[in-house]
Amino acid sequence: MQHLRSGGRRAVLPAVNGLRFFAAAHVMLEHTVHARVLPAPVLAAVGAGYTSATLLLVLSGFILVYVYSDGDGRMTVPRREFWAARLSRIYPLFVLSQLLVLPLWMRTHGWGETWFPLAVGVSGTQAWFPSLAHVLNTPAWTISLLVLAYAAFPWLLERLRAVPVRRLPLAMGVAWALSAIPCLLFTHPGPAGTRFLFSFPVMRFPEFLFGMLLGKWFLSRPAPSGRASAAMVAGALAGWGAVLAVIGRVPRPVAHNGLLAPVFALLLVGLASGHGGAVARLLSRPPLQRLGNAGIAIFLLHLPFIAWVEAAGWYPGPTTAASALVYAGYLAATLTLSIVTTERFVAPVSRWARRRFGCPRMALPVLAAPLPVAIPVAAAAPVGS
């Protein structure tokens, strides 16, 4: 498998980038589909977008190690350039998403009672205050987690160089346990405990660390054969599907954070190997690459968009058919606007930030920013609590 391009940077993994879109779409469906006409198992599977949250976090750690580390595990770009590139991909969208929700928020909240929630919501620190984690645009709490992950990544990458390859599976097991065990112990945590378990950055960080360890393990071993890769992808999808088929029967916290991380590790290794069979070929198609690049925009903008649709009185419609038609239009508009926002707004801002704060003489990998985790509780309304 050809990992490296000229200049020492690794090639983009198209199948993994395409997978990013489907994970983000699962999150979007979780927060916007509440159709009672759907069969209960289907509605439960659609509402389990939080399993895709774990996938997105593991994917984030995995892809950052893959792109930004060399054969010895060292950073391939200066830290300042890394931070400029990553933060410039999330903060413009984050601020835009918060501003889109602000007029709706101010309809029911006065300035005197909300100046502090607004301050932490606009600064991206809201998830460090569990009671304010969902202020304004609910998904934006994940910015707090991403800032922590990006800040720690160069330091962690350097420390991982000392971990022998043979011990990486054990380290992944520890990270997996740290992510899954708290939710297994507290299956009925209450509203405050739910926000802490599902949103507090330190509680979700082990999933990102698991992805980093997986990325290092993947780069340190020969790529699996085409047949083995396809089997990995098929097995992982079958396992994920089996969990979704019964997920409505278990307490929500059980599978919420990191329980399925090993399943997603199998899926990512299979897709990243350069093979992966028909699934990898599908995910590598150009339309899915554009949607994968726009994944973070889909994630941050889908609730503000539907909030304005509902505020305008367009959704739900007077009949099931009318609601379905409006919802289909909403999905098409969300995907289109997310692509346009990514390509016409985020990309120019990111280029400017890299020139201004990074090192313009060193080329950066062309890769979409890793997406954050999903909203912890399916929102009945798009604005936060």
Protein backbone atom coordinates (compact mmCIF):
# COMPACT_ATOMS: atom_id res chain seq x y z
CA MET A 1 0.00 0.00 0.00
CA GLN A 2 1.29 3.44 -0.90
CA HIS A 3 1.09 5.59 2.23
CA LEU A 4 3.36 8.48 1.34
CA ARG A 5 3.13 11.25 -1.23
CA SER A 6 5.82 13.69 -2.22
CA GLY A 7 6.94 15.91 0.62
CA GLY A 8 6.58 13.14 3.18
CA ARG A 9 2.85 13.58 3.78
CA ARG A 10 0.41 10.72 3.50
CA ALA A 11 -2.30 10.41 0.93
CA VAL A 12 -5.89 11.02 1.89
CA LEU A 13 -7.95 7.90 2.64
CA PRO A 14 -10.98 8.34 0.36
CA ALA A 15 -13.06 5.48 1.77
CA VAL A 16 -12.58 6.78 5.32
CA ASN A 17 -13.50 10.29 4.19
CA GLY A 18 -16.68 8.94 2.59
CA LEU A 19 -17.50 7.07 5.78
CA ARG A 20 -17.34 10.41 7.60
CA PHE A 21 -20.38 11.61 5.66
CA PHE A 22 -22.52 8.60 6.53
CA ALA A 23 -21.61 8.95 10.21
CA ALA A 24 -22.49 12.65 10.17
CA ALA A 25 -25.74 11.87 8.33
CA HIS A 26 -26.65 9.31 11.00
CA VAL A 27 -26.21 11.99 13.65
CA MET A 28 -28.35 14.40 11.63
CA LEU A 29 -31.13 11.83 11.29
CA GLU A 30 -31.02 11.12 15.02
CA HIS A 31 -31.77 14.74 15.84
CA THR A 32 -34.36 15.47 13.16
CA VAL A 33 -36.38 12.27 12.59
CA HIS A 34 -39.19 11.71 15.07
CA ALA A 35 -41.73 10.03 12.78
CA ARG A 36 -44.03 7.82 14.79
CA VAL A 37 -45.09 6.02 11.60
CA LEU A 38 -41.71 4.28 11.41
CA PRO A 39 -41.48 0.79 12.92
CA ALA A 40 -40.05 0.93 16.44
CA PRO A 41 -36.79 -0.95 15.58
CA VAL A 42 -36.15 1.37 12.61
CA LEU A 43 -36.83 4.46 14.69
CA ALA A 44 -34.50 3.15 17.41
CA ALA A 45 -31.72 2.51 14.86
CA VAL A 46 -32.17 5.95 13.33
CA GLY A 47 -32.14 7.45 16.81
CA ALA A 48 -28.87 5.72 17.67
CA GLY A 49 -26.74 8.35 15.96
CA TYR A 50 -24.72 8.45 19.16
CA THR A 51 -23.05 5.24 17.99
CA SER A 52 -21.81 7.19 14.99
CA ALA A 53 -20.47 9.73 17.49
CA THR A 54 -18.00 7.15 18.71
CA LEU A 55 -17.09 6.34 15.12
CA LEU A 56 -16.40 10.00 14.41
CA LEU A 57 -14.19 10.38 17.46
CA VAL A 58 -12.20 7.22 16.75
CA LEU A 59 -11.92 8.29 13.11
CA SER A 60 -10.63 11.71 14.18
CA GLY A 61 -7.78 10.35 16.25
CA PHE A 62 -6.97 7.73 13.63
CA ILE A 63 -6.85 10.12 10.67
CA LEU A 64 -4.80 12.77 12.49
CA VAL A 65 -2.11 10.21 13.30
CA TYR A 66 -2.24 8.90 9.75
CA VAL A 67 -1.85 12.35 8.18
CA TYR A 68 0.36 14.24 10.61
CA SER A 69 2.94 11.64 11.72
CA ASP A 70 5.92 10.22 9.88
CA GLY A 71 7.35 6.71 9.97
CA ASP A 72 8.98 7.38 13.36
CA GLY A 73 5.84 8.85 14.90
CA ARG A 74 7.01 12.47 14.74
CA MET A 75 4.84 15.42 13.67
CA THR A 76 5.28 16.19 9.99
CA VAL A 77 4.34 19.87 10.41
CA PRO A 78 5.17 22.47 13.08
CA ARG A 79 2.75 22.61 15.96
CA ARG A 80 1.68 26.17 15.15
CA GLU A 81 0.80 25.14 11.63
CA PHE A 82 -1.15 22.13 12.87
CA TRP A 83 -3.18 24.23 15.29
CA ALA A 84 -3.81 26.94 12.70
CA ALA A 85 -5.02 24.39 10.17
CA ARG A 86 -7.29 22.50 12.55
CA LEU A 87 -8.82 25.44 14.43
CA SER A 88 -9.45 27.40 11.24
CA ARG A 89 -11.59 24.50 10.01
CA ILE A 90 -13.86 24.40 13.06
CA TYR A 91 -14.11 27.89 14.57
CA PRO A 92 -15.61 29.73 11.58
CA LEU A 93 -18.37 27.11 11.31
CA PHE A 94 -18.82 27.06 15.06
CA VAL A 95 -19.34 30.83 15.27
CA LEU A 96 -21.65 30.77 12.25
CA SER A 97 -23.80 28.03 13.78
CA GLN A 98 -24.09 29.90 17.07
CA LEU A 99 -25.06 33.15 15.34
CA LEU A 100 -27.72 31.36 13.31
CA VAL A 101 -29.42 30.18 16.50
CA LEU A 102 -28.94 33.39 18.50
CA PRO A 103 -32.10 35.20 17.25
CA LEU A 104 -34.24 32.19 18.17
CA TRP A 105 -32.54 31.89 21.54
CA MET A 106 -33.17 35.54 22.39
CA ARG A 107 -36.90 35.09 21.82
CA THR A 108 -37.14 33.19 25.10
CA HIS A 109 -34.07 34.41 27.01
CA GLY A 110 -33.31 37.91 28.21
CA TRP A 111 -29.81 39.36 28.09
CA GLY A 112 -29.63 39.84 31.85
CA GLU A 113 -30.13 36.15 32.58
CA THR A 114 -28.05 34.75 29.73
CA TRP A 115 -24.90 36.83 29.35
CA PHE A 116 -22.69 34.12 30.90
CA PRO A 117 -24.25 31.20 28.93
CA LEU A 118 -23.85 33.24 25.76
CA ALA A 119 -20.24 34.05 26.62
CA VAL A 120 -19.24 30.42 27.13
CA GLY A 121 -21.36 29.37 24.15
CA VAL A 122 -19.61 31.76 21.79
CA SER A 123 -16.14 31.02 23.20
CA GLY A 124 -16.53 27.26 22.75
CA THR A 125 -15.99 26.43 26.42
CA GLN A 126 -19.59 25.45 27.19
CA ALA A 127 -19.00 21.71 27.56
CA TRP A 128 -16.73 22.37 30.55
CA PHE A 129 -19.89 23.56 32.34
CA PRO A 130 -22.22 20.52 32.11
CA SER A 131 -25.35 22.56 32.84
CA LEU A 132 -24.50 24.85 29.90
CA ALA A 133 -23.17 22.20 27.51
CA HIS A 134 -26.08 22.60 25.07
CA VAL A 135 -26.42 26.37 25.09
CA LEU A 136 -27.44 27.91 21.73
CA ASN A 137 -26.75 25.34 18.97
CA THR A 138 -26.65 22.01 20.80
CA PRO A 139 -23.96 20.23 18.68
CA ALA A 140 -21.54 23.10 19.23
CA TRP A 141 -20.60 21.71 22.63
CA THR A 142 -18.21 19.42 20.79
CA ILE A 143 -15.93 22.35 20.00
CA SER A 144 -14.77 22.16 23.63
CA LEU A 145 -13.76 18.55 23.06
CA LEU A 146 -12.03 19.25 19.75
CA VAL A 147 -9.98 22.08 21.20
CA LEU A 148 -8.81 19.72 23.96
CA ALA A 149 -8.00 17.01 21.41
CA TYR A 150 -6.08 19.36 19.11
CA ALA A 151 -4.17 20.90 22.02
CA ALA A 152 -3.13 17.49 23.33
CA PHE A 153 -2.42 15.82 19.98
CA PRO A 154 1.23 16.93 19.44
CA TRP A 155 2.13 16.09 23.04
CA LEU A 156 0.39 12.71 22.91
CA LEU A 157 1.91 11.85 19.55
CA GLU A 158 5.38 12.38 20.98
CA ARG A 159 4.58 10.23 24.02
CA LEU A 160 3.19 7.43 21.86
CA ARG A 161 6.57 7.04 20.18
CA ALA A 162 7.74 5.32 23.36
CA VAL A 163 4.94 2.74 23.33
CA PRO A 164 6.11 -0.55 21.76
CA VAL A 165 3.92 -1.88 18.97
CA ARG A 166 3.22 -5.07 20.91
CA ARG A 167 1.68 -3.02 23.73
CA LEU A 168 -0.61 -0.93 21.54
CA PRO A 169 -3.54 -3.41 21.73
CA LEU A 170 -3.33 -3.29 25.52
CA ALA A 171 -3.26 0.51 25.45
CA MET A 172 -6.30 0.51 23.16
CA GLY A 173 -8.04 -1.80 25.61
CA VAL A 174 -7.38 0.63 28.45
CA ALA A 175 -8.68 3.59 26.42
CA TRP A 176 -11.75 1.57 25.44
CA ALA A 177 -12.45 0.68 29.08
CA LEU A 178 -12.08 4.31 30.16
CA SER A 179 -14.65 5.34 27.57
CA ALA A 180 -17.20 2.56 28.08
CA ILE A 181 -17.12 1.60 31.75
CA PRO A 182 -18.54 4.84 33.23
CA CYS A 183 -21.66 4.53 31.09
CA LEU A 184 -22.00 0.84 31.92
CA LEU A 185 -21.84 1.65 35.63
CA PHE A 186 -24.34 4.51 35.51
CA THR A 187 -27.13 3.41 33.20
CA HIS A 188 -29.67 5.83 34.74
CA PRO A 189 -27.58 8.90 35.59
CA GLY A 190 -30.33 11.55 35.52
CA PRO A 191 -30.22 14.80 33.48
CA ALA A 192 -27.14 16.28 35.17
CA GLY A 193 -25.25 12.98 35.09
CA THR A 194 -26.25 12.44 31.47
CA ARG A 195 -24.77 15.77 30.40
CA PHE A 196 -21.58 14.98 32.32
CA LEU A 197 -21.17 11.44 30.90
CA PHE A 198 -22.09 12.34 27.34
CA SER A 199 -20.70 15.87 26.94
CA PHE A 200 -17.88 16.59 29.38
CA PRO A 201 -14.68 16.68 27.27
CA VAL A 202 -12.61 14.51 29.63
CA MET A 203 -15.28 11.79 29.56
CA ARG A 204 -15.24 11.61 25.75
CA PHE A 205 -11.50 12.08 25.22
CA PRO A 206 -10.64 8.33 25.58
CA GLU A 207 -12.49 7.65 22.30
CA PHE A 208 -10.20 10.09 20.50
CA LEU A 209 -7.17 8.54 22.22
CA PHE A 210 -8.34 5.08 21.13
CA GLY A 211 -8.31 6.35 17.54
CA MET A 212 -4.79 7.72 17.91
CA LEU A 213 -3.55 4.38 19.24
CA LEU A 214 -5.31 2.58 16.39
CA GLY A 215 -3.65 4.89 13.86
CA LYS A 216 -0.19 4.18 15.29
CA TRP A 217 -0.88 0.44 15.30
CA PHE A 218 -2.14 0.55 11.71
CA LEU A 219 0.96 2.39 10.46
CA SER A 220 3.33 0.04 12.26
CA ARG A 221 2.04 -3.15 10.62
CA PRO A 222 1.70 -4.44 7.05
CA ALA A 223 -1.63 -3.67 5.45
CA PRO A 224 -4.08 -6.60 5.38
CA SER A 225 -4.78 -8.32 2.08
CA GLY A 226 -7.74 -7.39 -0.08
CA ARG A 227 -9.77 -10.40 1.03
CA ALA A 228 -8.98 -9.78 4.71
CA SER A 229 -9.86 -6.08 4.37
CA ALA A 230 -13.21 -6.86 2.77
CA ALA A 231 -13.94 -9.38 5.52
CA MET A 232 -13.10 -6.79 8.18
CA VAL A 233 -15.46 -4.24 6.64
CA ALA A 234 -18.26 -6.78 6.24
CA GLY A 235 -17.82 -8.10 9.77
CA ALA A 236 -17.76 -4.62 11.30
CA LEU A 237 -20.88 -3.52 9.43
CA ALA A 238 -22.67 -6.74 10.41
CA GLY A 239 -21.73 -6.22 14.06
CA TRP A 240 -22.84 -2.58 14.01
CA GLY A 241 -26.10 -3.58 12.33
CA ALA A 242 -26.74 -6.30 14.91
CA VAL A 243 -26.32 -3.77 17.72
CA LEU A 244 -28.66 -1.30 16.01
CA ALA A 245 -31.27 -4.04 15.63
CA VAL A 246 -31.55 -4.45 19.41
CA ILE A 247 -30.43 -1.05 20.66
CA GLY A 248 -33.93 0.02 21.54
CA ARG A 249 -34.02 -2.65 24.26
CA VAL A 250 -31.01 -1.45 26.25
CA PRO A 251 -30.53 1.68 28.36
CA ARG A 252 -29.23 4.53 26.24
CA PRO A 253 -25.96 5.06 28.16
CA VAL A 254 -24.81 1.47 27.59
CA ALA A 255 -23.85 1.99 23.94
CA HIS A 256 -23.54 5.77 23.99
CA ASN A 257 -19.86 6.50 24.42
CA GLY A 258 -17.16 4.01 23.51
CA LEU A 259 -18.72 0.56 23.64
CA LEU A 260 -18.55 0.01 19.86
CA ALA A 261 -15.02 1.39 19.44
CA PRO A 262 -13.52 -2.08 18.67
CA VAL A 263 -16.13 -2.62 15.94
CA PHE A 264 -15.27 0.72 14.39
CA ALA A 265 -11.56 -0.05 14.66
CA LEU A 266 -12.14 -3.12 12.48
CA LEU A 267 -14.10 -1.01 10.00
CA LEU A 268 -11.45 1.72 9.77
CA VAL A 269 -8.55 -0.69 9.33
CA GLY A 270 -10.44 -2.51 6.58
CA LEU A 271 -11.25 0.70 4.72
CA ALA A 272 -7.85 2.33 5.26
CA SER A 273 -5.98 -0.66 3.88
CA GLY A 274 -6.69 0.44 0.32
CA HIS A 275 -9.03 -2.46 -0.35
CA GLY A 276 -12.32 -2.99 1.49
CA GLY A 277 -14.28 -4.36 -1.45
CA ALA A 278 -17.50 -2.87 -2.80
CA VAL A 279 -18.09 -0.77 0.32
CA ALA A 280 -14.74 0.99 -0.05
CA ARG A 281 -15.38 1.61 -3.74
CA LEU A 282 -18.76 3.15 -2.94
CA LEU A 283 -17.36 5.38 -0.21
CA SER A 284 -14.56 6.55 -2.51
CA ARG A 285 -16.87 7.97 -5.19
CA PRO A 286 -16.40 11.72 -5.87
CA PRO A 287 -19.86 12.86 -4.66
CA LEU A 288 -19.26 11.18 -1.31
CA GLN A 289 -15.84 12.81 -1.09
CA ARG A 290 -17.44 16.27 -1.31
CA LEU A 291 -20.01 15.28 1.28
CA GLY A 292 -17.30 13.84 3.52
CA ASN A 293 -15.35 17.10 3.29
CA ALA A 294 -18.53 18.94 4.31
CA GLY A 295 -19.20 16.59 7.21
CA ILE A 296 -18.41 19.05 9.98
CA ALA A 297 -20.68 21.62 8.35
CA ILE A 298 -23.49 19.06 8.19
CA PHE A 299 -22.92 18.32 11.85
CA LEU A 300 -22.91 21.91 13.07
CA LEU A 301 -25.55 23.40 10.77
CA HIS A 302 -28.31 20.78 10.58
CA LEU A 303 -30.08 21.84 13.79
CA PRO A 304 -29.94 25.62 13.11
CA PHE A 305 -31.43 24.98 9.66
CA ILE A 306 -34.32 22.89 10.94
CA ALA A 307 -34.89 25.37 13.78
CA TRP A 308 -35.59 28.08 11.21
CA VAL A 309 -37.75 25.70 9.15
CA GLU A 310 -39.87 25.04 12.22
CA ALA A 311 -39.88 28.70 13.26
CA ALA A 312 -41.27 29.54 9.81
CA GLY A 313 -44.09 27.05 10.36
CA TRP A 314 -43.11 24.81 7.44
CA TYR A 315 -42.49 21.62 9.40
CA PRO A 316 -44.18 19.42 10.38
CA GLY A 317 -46.76 19.58 7.62
CA PRO A 318 -50.49 18.98 7.97
CA THR A 319 -50.15 15.37 6.77
CA THR A 320 -47.52 12.66 6.91
CA ALA A 321 -46.89 12.99 3.17
CA ALA A 322 -46.49 16.76 3.43
CA SER A 323 -44.11 16.41 6.39
CA ALA A 324 -42.05 13.84 4.47
CA LEU A 325 -41.85 16.16 1.46
CA VAL A 326 -40.75 19.11 3.56
CA TYR A 327 -38.22 16.95 5.38
CA ALA A 328 -36.78 15.68 2.09
CA GLY A 329 -36.38 19.29 0.99
CA TYR A 330 -34.72 20.12 4.29
CA LEU A 331 -32.21 17.27 3.86
CA ALA A 332 -31.36 18.34 0.32
CA ALA A 333 -30.97 21.97 1.36
CA THR A 334 -28.82 21.06 4.38
CA LEU A 335 -26.42 18.96 2.33
CA THR A 336 -26.20 21.58 -0.42
CA LEU A 337 -25.67 24.50 1.95
CA SER A 338 -23.11 22.52 3.94
CA ILE A 339 -21.06 21.86 0.79
CA VAL A 340 -21.30 25.51 -0.29
CA THR A 341 -20.39 26.76 3.19
CA THR A 342 -17.39 24.44 3.35
CA GLU A 343 -16.05 25.28 -0.09
CA ARG A 344 -16.92 29.00 -0.26
CA PHE A 345 -16.52 30.07 3.37
CA VAL A 346 -14.49 27.65 5.46
CA ALA A 347 -11.85 26.82 2.83
CA PRO A 348 -10.92 30.48 2.11
CA VAL A 349 -10.82 31.32 5.83
CA SER A 350 -8.64 28.27 6.49
CA ARG A 351 -6.21 29.24 3.71
CA TRP A 352 -5.94 32.75 5.12
CA ALA A 353 -5.37 31.43 8.66
CA ARG A 354 -2.63 29.07 7.48
CA ARG A 355 -0.89 31.92 5.70
CA ARG A 356 -1.29 34.27 8.64
CA PHE A 357 -0.55 31.96 11.57
CA GLY A 358 0.99 28.85 10.04
CA CYS A 359 3.99 28.18 7.86
CA PRO A 360 2.94 28.90 4.27
CA ARG A 361 6.07 27.40 2.75
CA MET A 362 5.10 23.92 3.98
CA ALA A 363 2.22 22.19 2.20
CA LEU A 364 -0.64 20.92 4.31
CA PRO A 365 -2.52 17.69 3.68
CA VAL A 366 -5.80 18.23 1.87
CA LEU A 367 -8.21 16.63 4.28
CA ALA A 368 -11.48 17.56 5.89
CA ALA A 369 -11.37 18.39 9.58
CA PRO A 370 -12.26 15.49 11.87
CA LEU A 371 -15.81 15.67 13.05
CA PRO A 372 -16.80 15.91 16.62
CA VAL A 373 -19.01 13.60 18.52
CA ALA A 374 -22.75 13.56 18.26
CA ILE A 375 -25.21 15.43 20.42
CA PRO A 376 -25.68 13.37 23.57
CA VAL A 377 -29.47 13.52 23.71
CA ALA A 378 -31.78 13.59 20.69
CA ALA A 379 -33.09 17.13 20.78
CA ALA A 380 -36.81 17.76 20.70
CA ALA A 381 -36.00 21.33 19.67
CA PRO A 382 -32.90 22.52 17.85
CA VAL A 383 -31.87 25.12 20.40
CA GLY A 384 -30.09 24.15 23.57
CA SER A 385 -31.28 23.96 27.13
